[in-house]
Amino acid sequence: MTIANDEKWIDKEKTGLSEATMDIDLTLSADTIRLYAQKARAVASAMQDTFEGGHEGDVEFDADSLEEGHNHDGLAEEESDDLSDEELRELIEDLNVDEAAELVAVTWIGRGDFEAEDFQQAVDEARERAVGSTAKYLLGMPLFADYLEAGLDALDL
């Protein structure tokens, strides 16, 4: 079967291209989605570093510095130099409805909930089911970065 692509004819059997590849017109670019995957991987990596030895944020007290009075100078809120999580969360929250639905759809395809051929159906369902924070939903997936990359691969993007 041959199809037209910007006035060029492509033989799908020879090139191995699927119809889904030709029909998908993303609002978000594939490069932008890859950037989200990289940031999600960085966030996941940073989170794994905080669980070294199975302990998260152990607090050690120096007996010599503990005195009768409670002085809270050392308990100032700790600021993280790694703003990857916050940055990724804001990037996702700043997406418009169409972009967010596409990002969720790519994730669902990568997770195996939909086939690449059903991309538009996945986008429509993502748009219909969007009730809360898209960032909270997506970042709550432990394999979010993997799903994004697998979704892009399935869509040949």
Protein backbone atom coordinates (compact mmCIF):
# COMPACT_ATOMS: atom_id res chain seq x y z
CA MET A 1 0.00 0.00 0.00
CA THR A 2 1.26 3.46 -0.83
CA ILE A 3 0.27 6.68 0.89
CA ALA A 4 0.83 10.35 0.21
CA ASN A 5 3.02 12.34 2.57
CA ASP A 6 3.49 15.97 1.60
CA GLU A 7 3.11 15.08 -2.08
CA LYS A 8 5.63 12.24 -1.85
CA TRP A 9 4.41 8.67 -2.22
CA ILE A 10 5.68 6.24 0.37
CA ASP A 11 5.43 2.48 0.06
CA LYS A 12 4.53 1.41 3.61
CA GLU A 13 5.55 -2.22 3.04
CA LYS A 14 9.07 -1.19 1.99
CA THR A 15 9.56 1.44 4.69
CA GLY A 16 7.81 -0.42 7.51
CA LEU A 17 5.71 2.64 8.36
CA SER A 18 2.31 2.14 9.91
CA GLU A 19 -0.81 4.18 9.19
CA ALA A 20 -0.67 5.49 12.77
CA THR A 21 2.62 7.19 11.96
CA MET A 22 1.06 9.22 9.17
CA ASP A 23 -2.15 10.13 11.01
CA ILE A 24 -0.63 11.47 14.22
CA ASP A 25 -0.24 15.21 14.42
CA LEU A 26 0.87 16.10 17.94
CA THR A 27 0.33 19.48 19.51
CA LEU A 28 3.41 18.73 21.62
CA SER A 29 6.54 17.87 19.68
CA ALA A 30 8.16 14.48 20.19
CA ASP A 31 11.27 16.34 21.38
CA THR A 32 9.25 18.07 24.09
CA ILE A 33 7.84 14.73 25.23
CA ARG A 34 11.39 13.32 25.30
CA LEU A 35 12.41 16.28 27.47
CA TYR A 36 9.61 15.40 29.91
CA ALA A 37 10.85 11.80 29.94
CA GLN A 38 14.42 12.96 30.71
CA LYS A 39 13.21 15.22 33.51
CA ALA A 40 11.03 12.43 34.92
CA ARG A 41 14.02 10.09 34.87
CA ALA A 42 16.11 12.71 36.71
CA VAL A 43 13.36 13.11 39.32
CA ALA A 44 13.12 9.33 39.79
CA SER A 45 16.91 9.11 40.12
CA ALA A 46 16.99 11.89 42.72
CA MET A 47 14.25 10.14 44.70
CA GLN A 48 16.20 6.86 44.68
CA ASP A 49 19.24 8.69 46.08
CA THR A 50 17.25 9.80 49.13
CA PHE A 51 16.43 6.21 50.06
CA GLU A 52 20.02 5.04 50.52
CA GLY A 53 20.23 2.08 52.83
CA GLY A 54 16.45 2.00 53.20
CA HIS A 55 16.33 5.13 55.35
CA GLU A 56 14.84 8.37 54.20
CA GLY A 57 16.34 11.46 55.76
CA ASP A 58 17.67 9.97 58.99
CA VAL A 59 18.30 12.64 61.59
CA GLU A 60 21.38 12.37 63.76
CA PHE A 61 21.64 14.27 67.00
CA ASP A 62 24.87 15.42 68.56
CA ALA A 63 24.50 14.87 72.29
CA ASP A 64 27.00 17.66 73.05
CA SER A 65 24.94 20.27 71.23
CA LEU A 66 21.65 19.34 72.88
CA GLU A 67 21.02 21.60 75.83
CA GLU A 68 18.13 22.15 78.19
CA GLY A 69 16.69 25.03 76.18
CA HIS A 70 15.21 24.38 72.79
CA ASN A 71 16.89 26.54 70.23
CA HIS A 72 15.41 25.92 66.78
CA ASP A 73 18.01 27.75 64.69
CA GLY A 74 19.20 24.49 63.17
CA LEU A 75 15.70 23.44 62.14
CA ALA A 76 15.28 25.94 59.35
CA GLU A 77 13.46 24.53 56.38
CA GLU A 78 15.88 22.82 54.05
CA GLU A 79 15.89 24.04 50.48
CA SER A 80 16.70 21.57 47.77
CA ASP A 81 19.16 22.47 45.04
CA ASP A 82 17.44 19.90 42.81
CA LEU A 83 14.31 21.56 41.50
CA SER A 84 13.67 18.86 38.87
CA ASP A 85 10.46 17.61 40.49
CA GLU A 86 9.02 21.08 40.92
CA GLU A 87 10.09 22.12 37.43
CA LEU A 88 8.58 19.04 35.79
CA ARG A 89 5.37 19.46 37.80
CA GLU A 90 5.06 23.09 36.64
CA LEU A 91 5.82 22.19 33.02
CA ILE A 92 3.04 19.62 33.00
CA GLU A 93 0.58 21.90 34.81
CA ASP A 94 1.26 24.65 32.24
CA LEU A 95 0.07 22.44 29.37
CA ASN A 96 -3.24 23.30 27.76
CA VAL A 97 -6.04 20.70 27.67
CA ASP A 98 -5.04 19.28 24.28
CA GLU A 99 -1.35 19.01 25.15
CA ALA A 100 -2.08 17.38 28.51
CA ALA A 101 -4.44 14.87 26.88
CA GLU A 102 -1.77 13.98 24.31
CA LEU A 103 0.86 13.51 27.02
CA VAL A 104 -1.46 11.21 28.96
CA ALA A 105 -2.34 9.32 25.76
CA VAL A 106 1.33 8.75 24.89
CA THR A 107 1.85 7.51 28.45
CA TRP A 108 -1.11 5.13 28.20
CA ILE A 109 0.15 3.77 24.89
CA GLY A 110 3.58 3.23 26.43
CA ARG A 111 1.97 1.46 29.38
CA GLY A 112 0.01 -0.80 27.02
CA ASP A 113 -3.47 0.53 27.80
CA PHE A 114 -3.98 1.49 24.14
CA GLU A 115 -2.42 0.49 20.83
CA ALA A 116 -0.66 3.09 18.71
CA GLU A 117 -3.48 2.87 16.16
CA ASP A 118 -5.90 4.01 18.88
CA PHE A 119 -4.02 7.22 19.62
CA GLN A 120 -6.94 9.55 18.90
CA GLN A 121 -9.24 7.42 21.06
CA ALA A 122 -6.67 7.59 23.88
CA VAL A 123 -6.48 11.39 23.54
CA ASP A 124 -10.27 11.70 23.60
CA GLU A 125 -10.53 9.47 26.66
CA ALA A 126 -7.74 11.37 28.43
CA ARG A 127 -9.56 14.62 27.75
CA GLU A 128 -12.85 13.18 29.09
CA ARG A 129 -11.27 11.67 32.21
CA ALA A 130 -9.23 14.74 33.20
CA VAL A 131 -10.63 15.78 36.55
CA GLY A 132 -7.62 16.51 38.74
CA SER A 133 -4.03 17.51 38.37
CA THR A 134 -2.42 15.94 35.31
CA ALA A 135 1.02 16.40 36.87
CA LYS A 136 -0.01 14.62 40.05
CA TYR A 137 -1.49 11.75 38.03
CA LEU A 138 1.51 11.31 35.73
CA LEU A 139 4.23 11.88 38.33
CA GLY A 140 2.49 9.34 40.55
CA MET A 141 3.44 6.64 38.04
CA PRO A 142 6.72 5.03 39.12
CA LEU A 143 7.63 4.22 35.49
CA PHE A 144 6.38 7.47 33.94
CA ALA A 145 9.60 8.13 31.98
CA ASP A 146 9.65 4.56 30.65
CA TYR A 147 6.00 4.80 29.58
CA LEU A 148 6.63 8.06 27.73
CA GLU A 149 9.58 6.61 25.84
CA ALA A 150 7.72 3.39 25.06
CA GLY A 151 4.74 5.42 23.84
CA LEU A 152 6.91 7.50 21.52
CA ASP A 153 8.52 4.32 20.20
CA ALA A 154 5.13 2.69 19.62
CA LEU A 155 4.01 5.79 17.71
CA ASP A 156 7.27 5.84 15.72
CA LEU A 157 7.99 9.39 16.86
